[in-house]
């Protein structure tokens, strides 16, 4: 990490550790939209980004945007403890294993196969989601296997989908060596990773060992329609209209493919036997409405669904486990639900 990045990290952590009243004065007048007030930590993060004149990742060439998002993740992730980590390959697909301290001596580990967000074009378990994965694993007591599926535009649809499905099935086939308890295996992800996790749950429903639970954190589920939340929150709240459009044009350049349920699971049918789901949405997120619509889509098909909206948070809070109080609290709640689901 460069000296400049270290100073930025200290500044962000310091600002978000200030007393609530001070943070409110620094953040500015409360932002109220759609009956909800933007969380003060979130508003202060946005203010700091504006003061620093940070260039949005989606305005940069994609390789530079990848570096920018990775750097931003370092600023807000902290230094999370973990029992152990290891790089592995799942049938040629890179992945990283996070073993919580409580499971270091276990031969049968509850396991979440995790798919990172980043609009199908950015991110990686180690580059953007390292600290979030450590936090989730350690807090839940569940082993995480984070999959680095192929990214667009180098690999367009269905590459990420194919990798996600293949990775899950490879984890199942290698359960013994990976110490996976096949009675307690789940799939999950955030944003684009939530999209992939949802489609993995659908694709593997008739496998001998399907996931027993799915975790969908602000998932992208409809790549065709335009929702009220996209219109309301498409500017000024981290995930922008431009980011979404770049992601879709890169991953699914053929607009007809966007109707495919492997891209837009909200547009497909839900087969019998799909795993119970926990869906998490954020109040100030362009993807809020489609995530909640997918929760209802699953529920209407007879799937057991729990849903939690974090009313004051925005897209990306999953990565903010190292600063402030609201982001860590929201991910801690996710960890608690994961622990209960796989106990």
C-alpha atoms as a PDB file:
ATOM      1  CA  UNK A   1       0.000   0.000   0.000  1.00  0.00           C
ATOM      2  CA  UNK A   2       1.358   3.431  -0.935  1.00  0.00           C
ATOM      3  CA  UNK A   3       1.888   6.173   1.636  1.00  0.00           C
ATOM      4  CA  UNK A   4      -0.967   8.119   0.054  1.00  0.00           C
ATOM      5  CA  UNK A   5      -3.325   5.162   0.404  1.00  0.00           C
ATOM      6  CA  UNK A   6      -2.250   4.617   4.009  1.00  0.00           C
ATOM      7  CA  UNK A   7      -3.035   8.234   4.804  1.00  0.00           C
ATOM      8  CA  UNK A   8      -6.421   7.921   3.106  1.00  0.00           C
ATOM      9  CA  UNK A   9      -7.172   4.778   5.104  1.00  0.00           C
ATOM     10  CA  UNK A  10      -6.283   6.495   8.367  1.00  0.00           C
ATOM     11  CA  UNK A  11      -8.386   9.522   7.427  1.00  0.00           C
ATOM     12  CA  UNK A  12     -11.472   7.460   6.607  1.00  0.00           C
ATOM     13  CA  UNK A  13     -11.151   5.284   9.710  1.00  0.00           C
ATOM     14  CA  UNK A  14     -10.566   8.324  11.897  1.00  0.00           C
ATOM     15  CA  UNK A  15     -13.473  10.313  10.505  1.00  0.00           C
ATOM     16  CA  UNK A  16     -15.910   7.435  10.921  1.00  0.00           C
ATOM     17  CA  UNK A  17     -14.796   6.786  14.492  1.00  0.00           C
ATOM     18  CA  UNK A  18     -15.735  10.312  15.611  1.00  0.00           C
ATOM     19  CA  UNK A  19     -18.742  10.931  17.882  1.00  0.00           C
ATOM     20  CA  UNK A  20     -22.093  10.815  16.106  1.00  0.00           C
ATOM     21  CA  UNK A  21     -22.716  14.536  16.459  1.00  0.00           C
ATOM     22  CA  UNK A  22     -19.358  15.415  14.942  1.00  0.00           C
ATOM     23  CA  UNK A  23     -19.934  13.006  12.071  1.00  0.00           C
ATOM     24  CA  UNK A  24     -23.288  14.609  11.392  1.00  0.00           C
ATOM     25  CA  UNK A  25     -21.742  18.079  11.215  1.00  0.00           C
ATOM     26  CA  UNK A  26     -19.055  16.840   8.842  1.00  0.00           C
ATOM     27  CA  UNK A  27     -21.501  14.898   6.682  1.00  0.00           C
ATOM     28  CA  UNK A  28     -23.944  17.777   6.296  1.00  0.00           C
ATOM     29  CA  UNK A  29     -27.701  18.072   6.383  1.00  0.00           C
ATOM     30  CA  UNK A  30     -29.490  14.702   6.574  1.00  0.00           C
ATOM     31  CA  UNK A  31     -30.483  13.255   3.202  1.00  0.00           C
ATOM     32  CA  UNK A  32     -34.061  11.977   3.206  1.00  0.00           C
ATOM     33  CA  UNK A  33     -35.466  10.111   0.206  1.00  0.00           C
ATOM     34  CA  UNK A  34     -38.382   7.736  -0.173  1.00  0.00           C
ATOM     35  CA  UNK A  35     -39.176   8.027   3.519  1.00  0.00           C
ATOM     36  CA  UNK A  36     -35.689   6.974   4.685  1.00  0.00           C
ATOM     37  CA  UNK A  37     -32.726   8.922   6.058  1.00  0.00           C
ATOM     38  CA  UNK A  38     -29.289   8.170   4.689  1.00  0.00           C
ATOM     39  CA  UNK A  39     -27.064   6.705   7.399  1.00  0.00           C
ATOM     40  CA  UNK A  40     -24.579   9.282   8.695  1.00  0.00           C
ATOM     41  CA  UNK A  41     -21.551   6.987   8.180  1.00  0.00           C
ATOM     42  CA  UNK A  42     -22.642   6.428   4.587  1.00  0.00           C
ATOM     43  CA  UNK A  43     -23.184  10.142   3.987  1.00  0.00           C
ATOM     44  CA  UNK A  44     -19.794  10.951   5.461  1.00  0.00           C
ATOM     45  CA  UNK A  45     -18.104   8.388   3.219  1.00  0.00           C
ATOM     46  CA  UNK A  46     -19.708  10.035   0.212  1.00  0.00           C
ATOM     47  CA  UNK A  47     -18.613  13.466   1.445  1.00  0.00           C
ATOM     48  CA  UNK A  48     -15.011  12.289   1.938  1.00  0.00           C
ATOM     49  CA  UNK A  49     -14.994  10.779  -1.544  1.00  0.00           C
ATOM     50  CA  UNK A  50     -16.185  14.082  -2.977  1.00  0.00           C
ATOM     51  CA  UNK A  51     -13.619  16.122  -1.022  1.00  0.00           C
ATOM     52  CA  UNK A  52     -10.847  13.791  -2.191  1.00  0.00           C
ATOM     53  CA  UNK A  53     -12.103  14.205  -5.776  1.00  0.00           C
ATOM     54  CA  UNK A  54     -12.015  10.461  -6.279  1.00  0.00           C
ATOM     55  CA  UNK A  55     -12.675   9.528  -9.891  1.00  0.00           C
ATOM     56  CA  UNK A  56     -15.484   6.991 -10.209  1.00  0.00           C
ATOM     57  CA  UNK A  57     -14.285   3.578 -11.378  1.00  0.00           C
ATOM     58  CA  UNK A  58     -16.801   3.452 -14.230  1.00  0.00           C
ATOM     59  CA  UNK A  59     -15.316   6.599 -15.817  1.00  0.00           C
ATOM     60  CA  UNK A  60     -11.879   4.986 -16.108  1.00  0.00           C
ATOM     61  CA  UNK A  61     -10.615   2.321 -18.517  1.00  0.00           C
ATOM     62  CA  UNK A  62     -11.703  -1.005 -17.020  1.00  0.00           C
ATOM     63  CA  UNK A  63      -8.206  -2.104 -15.897  1.00  0.00           C
ATOM     64  CA  UNK A  64      -7.780   1.212 -14.073  1.00  0.00           C
ATOM     65  CA  UNK A  65     -11.299   0.932 -12.661  1.00  0.00           C
ATOM     66  CA  UNK A  66     -10.392  -2.461 -11.214  1.00  0.00           C
ATOM     67  CA  UNK A  67      -7.436  -0.915  -9.424  1.00  0.00           C
ATOM     68  CA  UNK A  68      -9.600   1.939  -8.155  1.00  0.00           C
ATOM     69  CA  UNK A  69     -12.236  -0.355  -6.648  1.00  0.00           C
ATOM     70  CA  UNK A  70      -9.572  -2.534  -5.064  1.00  0.00           C
ATOM     71  CA  UNK A  71      -7.992   0.550  -3.480  1.00  0.00           C
ATOM     72  CA  UNK A  72     -11.375   1.771  -2.216  1.00  0.00           C
ATOM     73  CA  UNK A  73     -12.035  -1.624  -0.634  1.00  0.00           C
ATOM     74  CA  UNK A  74      -8.747  -1.392   1.261  1.00  0.00           C
ATOM     75  CA  UNK A  75      -9.814   1.981   2.685  1.00  0.00           C
ATOM     76  CA  UNK A  76     -13.005   0.631   4.258  1.00  0.00           C
ATOM     77  CA  UNK A  77     -12.200  -3.011   4.998  1.00  0.00           C
ATOM     78  CA  UNK A  78      -9.894  -2.690   7.969  1.00  0.00           C
ATOM     79  CA  UNK A  79      -7.651  -5.597   8.951  1.00  0.00           C
ATOM     80  CA  UNK A  80      -9.980  -8.446   9.821  1.00  0.00           C
ATOM     81  CA  UNK A  81      -8.747 -11.527  11.696  1.00  0.00           C
ATOM     82  CA  UNK A  82      -9.160 -15.006  10.240  1.00  0.00           C
ATOM     83  CA  UNK A  83      -8.067 -18.498  11.260  1.00  0.00           C
ATOM     84  CA  UNK A  84      -6.376 -19.336   7.962  1.00  0.00           C
ATOM     85  CA  UNK A  85      -6.562 -18.646   4.238  1.00  0.00           C
ATOM     86  CA  UNK A  86      -5.413 -20.613   1.206  1.00  0.00           C
ATOM     87  CA  UNK A  87      -5.470 -20.190  -2.551  1.00  0.00           C
ATOM     88  CA  UNK A  88      -6.922 -23.150  -4.457  1.00  0.00           C
ATOM     89  CA  UNK A  89      -8.081 -24.040  -7.957  1.00  0.00           C
ATOM     90  CA  UNK A  90     -11.552 -25.375  -8.670  1.00  0.00           C
ATOM     91  CA  UNK A  91     -11.296 -27.108 -12.044  1.00  0.00           C
ATOM     92  CA  UNK A  92      -9.065 -24.282 -13.234  1.00  0.00           C
ATOM     93  CA  UNK A  93     -11.058 -21.509 -11.581  1.00  0.00           C
ATOM     94  CA  UNK A  94      -9.071 -19.598  -8.937  1.00  0.00           C
ATOM     95  CA  UNK A  95     -10.590 -19.492  -5.469  1.00  0.00           C
ATOM     96  CA  UNK A  96      -9.618 -18.625  -1.907  1.00  0.00           C
ATOM     97  CA  UNK A  97     -10.577 -20.507   1.237  1.00  0.00           C
ATOM     98  CA  UNK A  98     -11.260 -18.673   4.495  1.00  0.00           C
ATOM     99  CA  UNK A  99     -11.346 -20.893   7.580  1.00  0.00           C
ATOM    100  CA  UNK A 100     -12.596 -19.256  10.789  1.00  0.00           C
ATOM    101  CA  UNK A 101     -10.631 -19.810  13.967  1.00  0.00           C
ATOM    102  CA  UNK A 102     -13.358 -21.993  15.451  1.00  0.00           C
ATOM    103  CA  UNK A 103     -13.098 -24.498  12.582  1.00  0.00           C
ATOM    104  CA  UNK A 104      -9.322 -24.907  12.345  1.00  0.00           C
ATOM    105  CA  UNK A 105      -9.470 -28.374  13.866  1.00  0.00           C
ATOM    106  CA  UNK A 106     -12.671 -29.485  12.137  1.00  0.00           C
ATOM    107  CA  UNK A 107     -12.901 -32.102   9.390  1.00  0.00           C
ATOM    108  CA  UNK A 108     -16.560 -31.283   8.617  1.00  0.00           C
ATOM    109  CA  UNK A 109     -17.063 -27.590   8.012  1.00  0.00           C
ATOM    110  CA  UNK A 110     -20.265 -25.726   7.170  1.00  0.00           C
ATOM    111  CA  UNK A 111     -19.341 -23.920   3.962  1.00  0.00           C
ATOM    112  CA  UNK A 112     -20.507 -20.936   1.932  1.00  0.00           C
ATOM    113  CA  UNK A 113     -19.433 -20.836  -1.710  1.00  0.00           C
ATOM    114  CA  UNK A 114     -19.137 -17.080  -2.200  1.00  0.00           C
ATOM    115  CA  UNK A 115     -19.344 -15.055  -5.430  1.00  0.00           C
ATOM    116  CA  UNK A 116     -18.076 -11.489  -5.265  1.00  0.00           C
ATOM    117  CA  UNK A 117     -19.742  -8.397  -6.651  1.00  0.00           C
ATOM    118  CA  UNK A 118     -18.301  -5.891  -9.117  1.00  0.00           C
ATOM    119  CA  UNK A 119     -20.716  -5.721 -12.018  1.00  0.00           C
ATOM    120  CA  UNK A 120     -19.201  -8.814 -13.686  1.00  0.00           C
ATOM    121  CA  UNK A 121     -16.249  -6.607 -14.711  1.00  0.00           C
ATOM    122  CA  UNK A 122     -14.513  -5.642 -11.459  1.00  0.00           C
ATOM    123  CA  UNK A 123     -13.405  -7.333  -8.310  1.00  0.00           C
ATOM    124  CA  UNK A 124     -12.037 -10.553  -6.966  1.00  0.00           C
ATOM    125  CA  UNK A 125     -12.148 -12.301  -3.657  1.00  0.00           C
ATOM    126  CA  UNK A 126      -8.622 -11.185  -2.794  1.00  0.00           C
ATOM    127  CA  UNK A 127      -8.614  -7.729  -4.431  1.00  0.00           C
ATOM    128  CA  UNK A 128     -11.956  -6.273  -3.333  1.00  0.00           C
ATOM    129  CA  UNK A 129     -13.611  -8.712  -0.917  1.00  0.00           C
ATOM    130  CA  UNK A 130     -10.721  -9.997   1.190  1.00  0.00           C
ATOM    131  CA  UNK A 131     -11.714  -8.212   4.387  1.00  0.00           C
ATOM    132  CA  UNK A 132     -15.457  -8.771   3.923  1.00  0.00           C
ATOM    133  CA  UNK A 133     -14.868 -12.505   3.439  1.00  0.00           C
ATOM    134  CA  UNK A 134     -12.631 -12.666   6.515  1.00  0.00           C
ATOM    135  CA  UNK A 135     -15.234 -10.806   8.575  1.00  0.00           C
ATOM    136  CA  UNK A 136     -18.121 -12.981   7.385  1.00  0.00           C
ATOM    137  CA  UNK A 137     -16.243 -16.242   7.934  1.00  0.00           C
ATOM    138  CA  UNK A 138     -14.890 -15.353  11.363  1.00  0.00           C
ATOM    139  CA  UNK A 139     -18.163 -13.872  12.644  1.00  0.00           C
ATOM    140  CA  UNK A 140     -20.328 -16.733  11.354  1.00  0.00           C
ATOM    141  CA  UNK A 141     -18.027 -19.646  12.121  1.00  0.00           C
ATOM    142  CA  UNK A 142     -18.568 -20.828   8.533  1.00  0.00           C
ATOM    143  CA  UNK A 143     -15.859 -21.679   6.009  1.00  0.00           C
ATOM    144  CA  UNK A 144     -15.982 -19.431   2.942  1.00  0.00           C
ATOM    145  CA  UNK A 145     -14.733 -20.430  -0.490  1.00  0.00           C
ATOM    146  CA  UNK A 146     -14.583 -17.290  -2.610  1.00  0.00           C
ATOM    147  CA  UNK A 147     -14.613 -17.882  -6.370  1.00  0.00           C
ATOM    148  CA  UNK A 148     -12.715 -15.668  -8.825  1.00  0.00           C
ATOM    149  CA  UNK A 149     -14.870 -16.274 -11.874  1.00  0.00           C
ATOM    150  CA  UNK A 150     -13.869 -14.853 -15.254  1.00  0.00           C
ATOM    151  CA  UNK A 151     -14.608 -11.165 -15.764  1.00  0.00           C
ATOM    152  CA  UNK A 152     -15.998  -9.229 -18.717  1.00  0.00           C
ATOM    153  CA  UNK A 153     -15.281  -7.781 -21.191  1.00  0.00           C
ATOM    154  CA  UNK A 154     -12.507 -10.363 -21.602  1.00  0.00           C
ATOM    155  CA  UNK A 155     -15.076 -13.115 -20.998  1.00  0.00           C
ATOM    156  CA  UNK A 156     -18.708 -12.284 -21.762  1.00  0.00           C
ATOM    157  CA  UNK A 157     -21.902 -14.125 -20.816  1.00  0.00           C
ATOM    158  CA  UNK A 158     -22.199 -16.986 -20.019  1.00  0.00           C
ATOM    159  CA  UNK A 159     -18.593 -17.193 -18.746  1.00  0.00           C
ATOM    160  CA  UNK A 160     -19.207 -15.940 -15.188  1.00  0.00           C
ATOM    161  CA  UNK A 161     -22.352 -18.054 -14.894  1.00  0.00           C
ATOM    162  CA  UNK A 162     -20.585 -21.162 -16.170  1.00  0.00           C
ATOM    163  CA  UNK A 163     -17.679 -20.620 -13.777  1.00  0.00           C
ATOM    164  CA  UNK A 164     -20.002 -20.091 -10.803  1.00  0.00           C
ATOM    165  CA  UNK A 165     -21.930 -23.296 -11.459  1.00  0.00           C
ATOM    166  CA  UNK A 166     -18.760 -25.283 -12.172  1.00  0.00           C
ATOM    167  CA  UNK A 167     -17.086 -23.963  -9.022  1.00  0.00           C
ATOM    168  CA  UNK A 168     -19.995 -24.949  -6.800  1.00  0.00           C
ATOM    169  CA  UNK A 169     -20.113 -28.441  -8.288  1.00  0.00           C
ATOM    170  CA  UNK A 170     -16.346 -28.809  -7.927  1.00  0.00           C
ATOM    171  CA  UNK A 171     -16.535 -27.866  -4.253  1.00  0.00           C
ATOM    172  CA  UNK A 172     -19.137 -30.612  -3.836  1.00  0.00           C
ATOM    173  CA  UNK A 173     -16.998 -33.173  -5.672  1.00  0.00           C
ATOM    174  CA  UNK A 174     -13.962 -32.251  -3.568  1.00  0.00           C
ATOM    175  CA  UNK A 175     -15.828 -32.058  -0.282  1.00  0.00           C
ATOM    176  CA  UNK A 176     -13.503 -34.485   1.471  1.00  0.00           C
ATOM    177  CA  UNK A 177     -10.266 -32.638   0.689  1.00  0.00           C
ATOM    178  CA  UNK A 178     -11.867 -29.241   1.338  1.00  0.00           C
ATOM    179  CA  UNK A 179     -13.449 -30.524   4.571  1.00  0.00           C
ATOM    180  CA  UNK A 180     -16.927 -29.459   3.468  1.00  0.00           C
ATOM    181  CA  UNK A 181     -19.969 -30.775   5.295  1.00  0.00           C
ATOM    182  CA  UNK A 182     -22.305 -31.486   2.375  1.00  0.00           C
ATOM    183  CA  UNK A 183     -25.339 -31.294   4.647  1.00  0.00           C
ATOM    184  CA  UNK A 184     -24.363 -27.687   5.380  1.00  0.00           C
ATOM    185  CA  UNK A 185     -23.280 -26.149   2.094  1.00  0.00           C
ATOM    186  CA  UNK A 186     -24.681 -22.828   0.885  1.00  0.00           C
ATOM    187  CA  UNK A 187     -24.137 -20.387  -1.957  1.00  0.00           C
ATOM    188  CA  UNK A 188     -24.076 -16.618  -1.678  1.00  0.00           C
ATOM    189  CA  UNK A 189     -22.826 -13.368  -3.070  1.00  0.00           C
ATOM    190  CA  UNK A 190     -23.273  -9.625  -3.302  1.00  0.00           C
ATOM    191  CA  UNK A 191     -24.520  -7.548  -6.250  1.00  0.00           C
ATOM    192  CA  UNK A 192     -23.391  -9.300  -9.455  1.00  0.00           C
ATOM    193  CA  UNK A 193     -22.265 -12.120  -7.169  1.00  0.00           C
ATOM    194  CA  UNK A 194     -25.773 -12.222  -5.731  1.00  0.00           C
ATOM    195  CA  UNK A 195     -27.032 -12.638  -9.279  1.00  0.00           C
ATOM    196  CA  UNK A 196     -24.636 -15.551  -9.803  1.00  0.00           C
ATOM    197  CA  UNK A 197     -25.519 -17.125  -6.450  1.00  0.00           C
ATOM    198  CA  UNK A 198     -29.220 -16.994  -7.319  1.00  0.00           C
ATOM    199  CA  UNK A 199     -28.612 -18.671 -10.662  1.00  0.00           C
ATOM    200  CA  UNK A 200     -26.341 -21.320  -9.120  1.00  0.00           C
ATOM    201  CA  UNK A 201     -29.157 -22.217  -6.707  1.00  0.00           C
ATOM    202  CA  UNK A 202     -31.494 -22.611  -9.681  1.00  0.00           C
ATOM    203  CA  UNK A 203     -29.015 -24.525 -11.871  1.00  0.00           C
ATOM    204  CA  UNK A 204     -28.103 -27.069  -9.205  1.00  0.00           C
ATOM    205  CA  UNK A 205     -31.542 -27.688  -7.710  1.00  0.00           C
ATOM    206  CA  UNK A 206     -31.686 -31.218  -9.156  1.00  0.00           C
ATOM    207  CA  UNK A 207     -28.070 -32.109  -8.351  1.00  0.00           C
ATOM    208  CA  UNK A 208     -27.378 -34.836  -5.811  1.00  0.00           C
ATOM    209  CA  UNK A 209     -26.038 -32.103  -3.520  1.00  0.00           C
ATOM    210  CA  UNK A 210     -27.658 -28.716  -4.099  1.00  0.00           C
ATOM    211  CA  UNK A 211     -27.105 -25.769  -1.765  1.00  0.00           C
ATOM    212  CA  UNK A 212     -29.215 -25.918   1.370  1.00  0.00           C
ATOM    213  CA  UNK A 213     -29.393 -22.115   1.664  1.00  0.00           C
ATOM    214  CA  UNK A 214     -28.706 -19.067  -0.470  1.00  0.00           C
ATOM    215  CA  UNK A 215     -27.502 -15.634   0.605  1.00  0.00           C
ATOM    216  CA  UNK A 216     -28.325 -12.804  -1.790  1.00  0.00           C
ATOM    217  CA  UNK A 217     -26.921  -9.412  -0.792  1.00  0.00           C
ATOM    218  CA  UNK A 218     -28.408  -6.594  -2.917  1.00  0.00           C
ATOM    219  CA  UNK A 219     -28.548  -8.924  -5.936  1.00  0.00           C
ATOM    220  CA  UNK A 220     -28.953  -7.793  -9.535  1.00  0.00           C
ATOM    221  CA  UNK A 221     -31.917  -9.827 -10.760  1.00  0.00           C
ATOM    222  CA  UNK A 222     -33.426  -7.948 -13.737  1.00  0.00           C
ATOM    223  CA  UNK A 223     -31.129  -6.750 -16.502  1.00  0.00           C
ATOM    224  CA  UNK A 224     -34.018  -5.635 -18.717  1.00  0.00           C
ATOM    225  CA  UNK A 225     -36.417  -3.511 -16.688  1.00  0.00           C
ATOM    226  CA  UNK A 226     -36.037  -0.135 -15.001  1.00  0.00           C
ATOM    227  CA  UNK A 227     -37.331   0.162 -11.460  1.00  0.00           C
ATOM    228  CA  UNK A 228     -38.271   3.145  -9.332  1.00  0.00           C
ATOM    229  CA  UNK A 229     -35.197   2.607  -7.153  1.00  0.00           C
ATOM    230  CA  UNK A 230     -32.952   2.769 -10.231  1.00  0.00           C
ATOM    231  CA  UNK A 231     -34.548   6.067 -11.192  1.00  0.00           C
ATOM    232  CA  UNK A 232     -34.349   7.417  -7.642  1.00  0.00           C
ATOM    233  CA  UNK A 233     -30.844   6.329  -6.608  1.00  0.00           C
ATOM    234  CA  UNK A 234     -28.976   6.055  -9.918  1.00  0.00           C
ATOM    235  CA  UNK A 235     -26.814   9.085  -9.171  1.00  0.00           C
ATOM    236  CA  UNK A 236     -24.967  10.090  -6.036  1.00  0.00           C
ATOM    237  CA  UNK A 237     -25.050   6.828  -4.069  1.00  0.00           C
ATOM    238  CA  UNK A 238     -21.932   4.948  -5.235  1.00  0.00           C
ATOM    239  CA  UNK A 239     -23.627   2.592  -7.720  1.00  0.00           C
ATOM    240  CA  UNK A 240     -24.562   4.760 -10.692  1.00  0.00           C
ATOM    241  CA  UNK A 241     -26.557   4.365 -13.895  1.00  0.00           C
ATOM    242  CA  UNK A 242     -23.269   4.594 -15.781  1.00  0.00           C
ATOM    243  CA  UNK A 243     -21.738   1.770 -13.713  1.00  0.00           C
ATOM    244  CA  UNK A 244     -24.740  -0.482 -14.375  1.00  0.00           C
ATOM    245  CA  UNK A 245     -24.744   0.282 -18.091  1.00  0.00           C
ATOM    246  CA  UNK A 246     -21.002  -0.370 -18.414  1.00  0.00           C
ATOM    247  CA  UNK A 247     -21.428  -3.650 -16.558  1.00  0.00           C
ATOM    248  CA  UNK A 248     -24.249  -4.836 -18.791  1.00  0.00           C
ATOM    249  CA  UNK A 249     -22.654  -3.697 -22.045  1.00  0.00           C
ATOM    250  CA  UNK A 250     -19.465  -5.495 -21.058  1.00  0.00           C
ATOM    251  CA  UNK A 251     -20.948  -8.753 -19.744  1.00  0.00           C
ATOM    252  CA  UNK A 252     -24.090  -9.028 -21.877  1.00  0.00           C
ATOM    253  CA  UNK A 253     -23.474  -7.035 -25.071  1.00  0.00           C
ATOM    254  CA  UNK A 254     -26.289  -8.890 -26.870  1.00  0.00           C
ATOM    255  CA  UNK A 255     -29.423  -7.249 -25.453  1.00  0.00           C
ATOM    256  CA  UNK A 256     -31.513 -10.325 -26.208  1.00  0.00           C
ATOM    257  CA  UNK A 257     -29.355 -12.328 -23.806  1.00  0.00           C
ATOM    258  CA  UNK A 258     -30.394 -10.003 -20.987  1.00  0.00           C
ATOM    259  CA  UNK A 259     -33.793 -11.711 -20.983  1.00  0.00           C
ATOM    260  CA  UNK A 260     -32.139 -15.079 -20.297  1.00  0.00           C
ATOM    261  CA  UNK A 261     -32.946 -16.253 -16.741  1.00  0.00           C
ATOM    262  CA  UNK A 262     -29.257 -17.050 -16.315  1.00  0.00           C
ATOM    263  CA  UNK A 263     -28.756 -13.265 -16.512  1.00  0.00           C
ATOM    264  CA  UNK A 264     -32.107 -12.053 -15.165  1.00  0.00           C
ATOM    265  CA  UNK A 265     -33.383 -14.681 -12.705  1.00  0.00           C
ATOM    266  CA  UNK A 266     -36.392 -12.488 -11.913  1.00  0.00           C
ATOM    267  CA  UNK A 267     -37.656 -13.200 -15.440  1.00  0.00           C
ATOM    268  CA  UNK A 268     -37.469 -16.984 -15.117  1.00  0.00           C
ATOM    269  CA  UNK A 269     -39.550 -19.621 -13.395  1.00  0.00           C
ATOM    270  CA  UNK A 270     -38.541 -20.991 -10.026  1.00  0.00           C
ATOM    271  CA  UNK A 271     -38.396 -24.811  -9.969  1.00  0.00           C
ATOM    272  CA  UNK A 272     -39.534 -26.860  -7.009  1.00  0.00           C
ATOM    273  CA  UNK A 273     -36.985 -27.540  -4.334  1.00  0.00           C
ATOM    274  CA  UNK A 274     -34.921 -24.347  -4.557  1.00  0.00           C
ATOM    275  CA  UNK A 275     -33.006 -23.634  -1.368  1.00  0.00           C
ATOM    276  CA  UNK A 276     -34.343 -21.211   1.241  1.00  0.00           C
ATOM    277  CA  UNK A 277     -33.021 -17.711   0.728  1.00  0.00           C
ATOM    278  CA  UNK A 278     -32.022 -14.703   2.775  1.00  0.00           C
ATOM    279  CA  UNK A 279     -32.210 -11.527   0.695  1.00  0.00           C
ATOM    280  CA  UNK A 280     -30.599  -8.303   1.897  1.00  0.00           C
ATOM    281  CA  UNK A 281     -31.305  -4.958   0.253  1.00  0.00           C
ATOM    282  CA  UNK A 282     -30.225  -1.381   0.951  1.00  0.00           C
ATOM    283  CA  UNK A 283     -32.597   1.571   1.105  1.00  0.00           C
ATOM    284  CA  UNK A 284     -30.420   3.881  -1.030  1.00  0.00           C
ATOM    285  CA  UNK A 285     -29.523   1.352  -3.711  1.00  0.00           C
ATOM    286  CA  UNK A 286     -30.570   1.354  -7.391  1.00  0.00           C
ATOM    287  CA  UNK A 287     -30.888  -2.452  -7.131  1.00  0.00           C
ATOM    288  CA  UNK A 288     -33.200  -2.323  -4.099  1.00  0.00           C
ATOM    289  CA  UNK A 289     -36.477  -2.897  -5.909  1.00  0.00           C
ATOM    290  CA  UNK A 290     -35.347  -5.787  -8.102  1.00  0.00           C
ATOM    291  CA  UNK A 291     -33.771  -7.510  -5.112  1.00  0.00           C
ATOM    292  CA  UNK A 292     -37.023  -7.245  -3.188  1.00  0.00           C
ATOM    293  CA  UNK A 293     -39.003  -8.309  -6.250  1.00  0.00           C
ATOM    294  CA  UNK A 294     -36.846 -11.441  -6.466  1.00  0.00           C
ATOM    295  CA  UNK A 295     -37.494 -12.201  -2.809  1.00  0.00           C
ATOM    296  CA  UNK A 296     -41.209 -12.067  -3.562  1.00  0.00           C
ATOM    297  CA  UNK A 297     -40.705 -14.101  -6.764  1.00  0.00           C
ATOM    298  CA  UNK A 298     -39.093 -16.865  -4.718  1.00  0.00           C
ATOM    299  CA  UNK A 299     -41.730 -16.625  -2.006  1.00  0.00           C
ATOM    300  CA  UNK A 300     -44.540 -16.884  -4.555  1.00  0.00           C
ATOM    301  CA  UNK A 301     -42.965 -20.113  -5.824  1.00  0.00           C
ATOM    302  CA  UNK A 302     -43.067 -21.616  -2.342  1.00  0.00           C
ATOM    303  CA  UNK A 303     -39.456 -20.937  -1.358  1.00  0.00           C
ATOM    304  CA  UNK A 304     -38.828 -20.057   2.274  1.00  0.00           C
ATOM    305  CA  UNK A 305     -37.513 -16.491   2.188  1.00  0.00           C
ATOM    306  CA  UNK A 306     -36.341 -14.006   4.773  1.00  0.00           C
ATOM    307  CA  UNK A 307     -35.664 -10.432   3.750  1.00  0.00           C
ATOM    308  CA  UNK A 308     -33.960  -7.543   5.481  1.00  0.00           C
ATOM    309  CA  UNK A 309     -33.787  -4.016   4.115  1.00  0.00           C
ATOM    310  CA  UNK A 310     -31.047  -1.843   5.604  1.00  0.00           C
ATOM    311  CA  UNK A 311     -32.999   1.414   5.225  1.00  0.00           C
ATOM    312  CA  UNK A 312     -30.178   3.947   5.569  1.00  0.00           C
ATOM    313  CA  UNK A 313     -27.424   2.124   3.697  1.00  0.00           C
ATOM    314  CA  UNK A 314     -26.346   2.148   0.067  1.00  0.00           C
ATOM    315  CA  UNK A 315     -24.925  -0.347  -2.380  1.00  0.00           C
ATOM    316  CA  UNK A 316     -21.453  -1.499  -1.351  1.00  0.00           C
ATOM    317  CA  UNK A 317     -21.987  -1.569   2.413  1.00  0.00           C
ATOM    318  CA  UNK A 318     -20.953  -5.239   2.449  1.00  0.00           C
ATOM    319  CA  UNK A 319     -17.342  -4.141   1.971  1.00  0.00           C
ATOM    320  CA  UNK A 320     -17.347  -1.481   4.715  1.00  0.00           C
ATOM    321  CA  UNK A 321     -16.609  -3.869   7.580  1.00  0.00           C
ATOM    322  CA  UNK A 322     -13.637  -1.878   8.865  1.00  0.00           C
ATOM    323  CA  UNK A 323     -15.065   1.608   9.353  1.00  0.00           C
ATOM    324  CA  UNK A 324     -17.899   3.212  11.288  1.00  0.00           C
ATOM    325  CA  UNK A 325     -20.668   1.228  12.940  1.00  0.00           C
ATOM    326  CA  UNK A 326     -23.506   0.784  10.459  1.00  0.00           C
ATOM    327  CA  UNK A 327     -21.683  -1.276   7.822  1.00  0.00           C
ATOM    328  CA  UNK A 328     -20.076  -3.686  10.279  1.00  0.00           C
ATOM    329  CA  UNK A 329     -23.405  -4.076  12.119  1.00  0.00           C
ATOM    330  CA  UNK A 330     -25.235  -4.922   8.891  1.00  0.00           C
ATOM    331  CA  UNK A 331     -22.671  -7.544   7.868  1.00  0.00           C
ATOM    332  CA  UNK A 332     -22.602  -8.919  11.414  1.00  0.00           C
ATOM    333  CA  UNK A 333     -26.347  -9.496  11.085  1.00  0.00           C
ATOM    334  CA  UNK A 334     -25.723 -11.370   7.834  1.00  0.00           C
ATOM    335  CA  UNK A 335     -23.070 -13.461   9.585  1.00  0.00           C
ATOM    336  CA  UNK A 336     -25.486 -14.300  12.380  1.00  0.00           C
ATOM    337  CA  UNK A 337     -28.109 -15.478   9.900  1.00  0.00           C
ATOM    338  CA  UNK A 338     -25.520 -17.541   8.029  1.00  0.00           C
ATOM    339  CA  UNK A 339     -24.440 -19.182  11.278  1.00  0.00           C
ATOM    340  CA  UNK A 340     -28.027 -20.061  12.161  1.00  0.00           C
ATOM    341  CA  UNK A 341     -28.803 -21.376   8.675  1.00  0.00           C
ATOM    342  CA  UNK A 342     -25.826 -23.760   8.678  1.00  0.00           C
ATOM    343  CA  UNK A 343     -25.661 -24.730  12.347  1.00  0.00           C
END
